[in-house]
């Protein structure tokens, strides 16, 4: 019965040391392990069960120590991986910020260039409007002169026709 209690204690300790997915499987594993060490640990003494239990206990203790060391290494690896992941994430964030800044700078540069082109276009448009206004003013001035000249010619012909009519009637 002492061996059975020892197997149950061993099963409990191993369950606490590692994550157990299936309790029945853990129980079968511990039972087989105990049987194996019970067969190989028998000696010629009068208490084969006690010798195998002592030997088995020492081996299980060593096994649990190794499992705890493996768990510690896994935890340290996890911490290291988490730290590297955080560094990588930080580096990626910096790279994205740099790319965003470059795009913003390019956008500002393009906006300035478009504004310059728009200003040049507006200046050209204003220049063309001024030229058309100057041409329109010249045509208006010429039109006024032509109208003035036509009025003088009409007045001159009217005076001449009146004088000829007066001379023919009185003369």
Protein backbone atom coordinates (compact mmCIF):
# COMPACT_ATOMS: atom_id res chain seq x y z
CA UNK A 1 0.00 0.00 0.00
CA UNK A 2 2.91 2.29 0.62
CA UNK A 3 3.92 2.04 -3.04
CA UNK A 4 0.39 2.96 -4.13
CA UNK A 5 0.42 6.10 -1.97
CA UNK A 6 3.85 6.97 -3.30
CA UNK A 7 2.57 6.58 -6.92
CA UNK A 8 -0.39 8.88 -6.14
CA UNK A 9 1.95 11.48 -4.60
CA UNK A 10 4.20 11.24 -7.64
CA UNK A 11 1.20 11.65 -9.94
CA UNK A 12 0.05 14.69 -7.98
CA UNK A 13 3.56 16.29 -8.07
CA UNK A 14 3.92 15.68 -11.81
CA UNK A 15 0.45 17.10 -12.47
CA UNK A 16 1.44 20.27 -10.60
CA UNK A 17 4.77 20.53 -12.43
CA UNK A 18 3.42 20.28 -15.97
CA UNK A 19 0.20 21.13 -17.77
CA UNK A 20 -2.00 18.00 -17.79
CA UNK A 21 -4.37 17.50 -20.68
CA UNK A 22 -5.61 14.02 -19.72
CA UNK A 23 -5.58 12.83 -16.09
CA UNK A 24 -6.17 9.17 -17.02
CA UNK A 25 -3.18 9.20 -19.33
CA UNK A 26 -1.04 10.72 -16.56
CA UNK A 27 -2.18 7.99 -14.17
CA UNK A 28 -1.34 5.24 -16.68
CA UNK A 29 2.07 6.82 -17.30
CA UNK A 30 2.95 6.98 -13.60
CA UNK A 31 1.70 3.42 -13.04
CA UNK A 32 3.82 2.06 -15.90
CA UNK A 33 6.80 4.05 -14.72
CA UNK A 34 6.39 2.66 -11.21
CA UNK A 35 6.06 -0.89 -12.56
CA UNK A 36 9.15 -0.47 -14.71
CA UNK A 37 11.25 0.84 -11.85
CA UNK A 38 9.78 -1.82 -9.56
CA UNK A 39 10.99 -4.58 -11.87
CA UNK A 40 14.42 -3.11 -12.56
CA UNK A 41 15.00 -1.94 -8.99
CA UNK A 42 14.57 -5.32 -7.29
CA UNK A 43 17.62 -6.40 -5.38
CA UNK A 44 18.53 -9.49 -3.48
CA UNK A 45 17.53 -7.90 -0.15
CA UNK A 46 14.54 -8.95 1.79
CA UNK A 47 12.65 -5.72 0.92
CA UNK A 48 12.56 -5.41 -2.88
CA UNK A 49 9.65 -3.01 -2.81
CA UNK A 50 11.41 -0.54 -0.49
CA UNK A 51 14.61 -0.54 -2.58
CA UNK A 52 12.71 0.05 -5.79
CA UNK A 53 10.62 2.78 -4.20
CA UNK A 54 13.72 4.56 -2.88
CA UNK A 55 15.47 4.22 -6.24
CA UNK A 56 12.30 5.23 -8.06
CA UNK A 57 11.78 8.19 -5.74
CA UNK A 58 15.29 9.46 -6.42
CA UNK A 59 14.80 9.10 -10.16
CA UNK A 60 11.41 10.80 -10.06
CA UNK A 61 12.89 13.59 -7.97
CA UNK A 62 15.63 14.01 -10.58
CA UNK A 63 12.99 13.90 -13.33
CA UNK A 64 10.90 16.58 -11.61
CA UNK A 65 13.99 18.75 -11.14
CA UNK A 66 14.76 18.41 -14.84
CA UNK A 67 11.14 19.23 -15.75
CA UNK A 68 11.26 22.33 -13.58
CA UNK A 69 14.55 23.35 -15.26
CA UNK A 70 12.94 22.83 -18.67
CA UNK A 71 9.96 24.92 -17.58
CA UNK A 72 12.32 27.67 -16.39
CA UNK A 73 14.15 27.60 -19.74
CA UNK A 74 10.87 27.72 -21.62
CA UNK A 75 9.73 30.67 -19.52
CA UNK A 76 13.00 32.50 -20.14
CA UNK A 77 12.72 31.76 -23.86
CA UNK A 78 9.13 33.05 -23.80
CA UNK A 79 10.25 36.24 -22.06
CA UNK A 80 13.06 36.65 -24.59
CA UNK A 81 10.69 36.06 -27.50
CA UNK A 82 8.18 38.53 -26.05
CA UNK A 83 10.93 41.12 -25.67
CA UNK A 84 12.13 40.56 -29.26
CA UNK A 85 8.55 40.77 -30.49
CA UNK A 86 8.05 44.08 -28.67
CA UNK A 87 11.31 45.40 -30.14
CA UNK A 88 10.26 44.27 -33.60
CA UNK A 89 6.86 45.87 -33.16
CA UNK A 90 8.48 49.09 -31.98
CA UNK A 91 10.89 49.04 -34.94
CA UNK A 92 8.01 48.41 -37.37
CA UNK A 93 6.03 51.28 -35.83
CA UNK A 94 9.04 53.57 -36.31
CA UNK A 95 9.39 52.44 -39.93
CA UNK A 96 5.68 53.04 -40.58
CA UNK A 97 5.94 56.49 -39.00
CA UNK A 98 8.95 57.26 -41.21
CA UNK A 99 7.07 56.13 -44.31
CA UNK A 100 4.03 58.17 -43.25
CA UNK A 101 6.26 61.22 -42.74
CA UNK A 102 7.81 60.70 -46.18
CA UNK A 103 4.36 60.50 -47.76
CA UNK A 104 3.23 63.61 -45.90
CA UNK A 105 6.35 65.47 -47.08
CA UNK A 106 5.73 64.29 -50.64
CA UNK A 107 2.09 65.41 -50.37
CA UNK A 108 3.17 68.84 -49.12
CA UNK A 109 5.72 69.12 -51.92
CA UNK A 110 3.12 68.13 -54.51
CA UNK A 111 0.63 70.59 -53.02
CA UNK A 112 3.22 73.40 -53.27
CA UNK A 113 3.99 72.47 -56.88
CA UNK A 114 0.29 72.41 -57.77
CA UNK A 115 -0.18 75.76 -56.06
CA UNK A 116 2.73 77.17 -58.08
CA UNK A 117 1.24 75.81 -61.31
CA UNK A 118 -2.17 77.21 -60.34
CA UNK A 119 -0.60 80.62 -59.64
CA UNK A 120 1.21 80.56 -62.99
CA UNK A 121 -2.01 79.62 -64.74
CA UNK A 122 -3.90 82.41 -62.97
CA UNK A 123 -1.13 84.89 -63.86
CA UNK A 124 -1.31 83.77 -67.50
CA UNK A 125 -5.10 84.07 -67.40
CA UNK A 126 -4.86 87.61 -65.93
CA UNK A 127 -2.26 88.57 -68.53
CA UNK A 128 -4.47 87.32 -71.36
CA UNK A 129 -7.47 89.16 -69.93
CA UNK A 130 -5.46 92.40 -69.75
CA UNK A 131 -4.31 91.95 -73.36
CA UNK A 132 -7.88 91.30 -74.54
CA UNK A 133 -9.06 94.38 -72.60
CA UNK A 134 -6.33 96.46 -74.26
CA UNK A 135 -7.33 95.16 -77.72
CA UNK A 136 -11.01 95.85 -76.92
CA UNK A 137 -10.13 99.39 -75.83
CA UNK A 138 -8.19 99.98 -79.07
CA UNK A 139 -11.18 98.78 -81.12
CA UNK A 140 -13.49 101.00 -79.08
CA UNK A 141 -11.19 104.00 -79.68
CA UNK A 142 -11.06 103.27 -83.39
CA UNK A 143 -14.83 102.81 -83.45
CA UNK A 144 -15.29 106.22 -81.76
CA UNK A 145 -12.98 107.86 -84.33
CA UNK A 146 -14.79 106.17 -87.18
CA UNK A 147 -18.18 107.22 -85.78
CA UNK A 148 -16.86 110.78 -85.30
CA UNK A 149 -15.52 110.86 -88.84
CA UNK A 150 -18.78 109.49 -90.23
CA UNK A 151 -20.74 112.14 -88.31
CA UNK A 152 -18.46 114.87 -89.72
CA UNK A 153 -18.88 113.53 -93.25
CA UNK A 154 -22.66 113.35 -92.83
CA UNK A 155 -22.71 116.91 -91.48
CA UNK A 156 -20.46 118.07 -94.29
CA UNK A 157 -22.69 116.47 -96.95
CA UNK A 158 -25.76 117.91 -95.24
CA UNK A 159 -24.25 121.40 -95.25
CA UNK A 160 -23.15 121.01 -98.85
CA UNK A 161 -26.59 119.75 -99.94
CA UNK A 162 -28.27 122.61 -98.08
CA UNK A 163 -25.95 125.14 -99.68
CA UNK A 164 -26.57 123.74 -103.10
CA UNK A 165 -30.31 123.81 -102.50
CA UNK A 166 -30.12 127.41 -101.26
CA UNK A 167 -27.99 128.47 -104.21
CA UNK A 168 -30.34 126.85 -106.70
CA UNK A 169 -33.38 128.34 -105.14
CA UNK A 170 -32.05 131.85 -104.69
CA UNK A 171 -29.45 131.96 -107.06
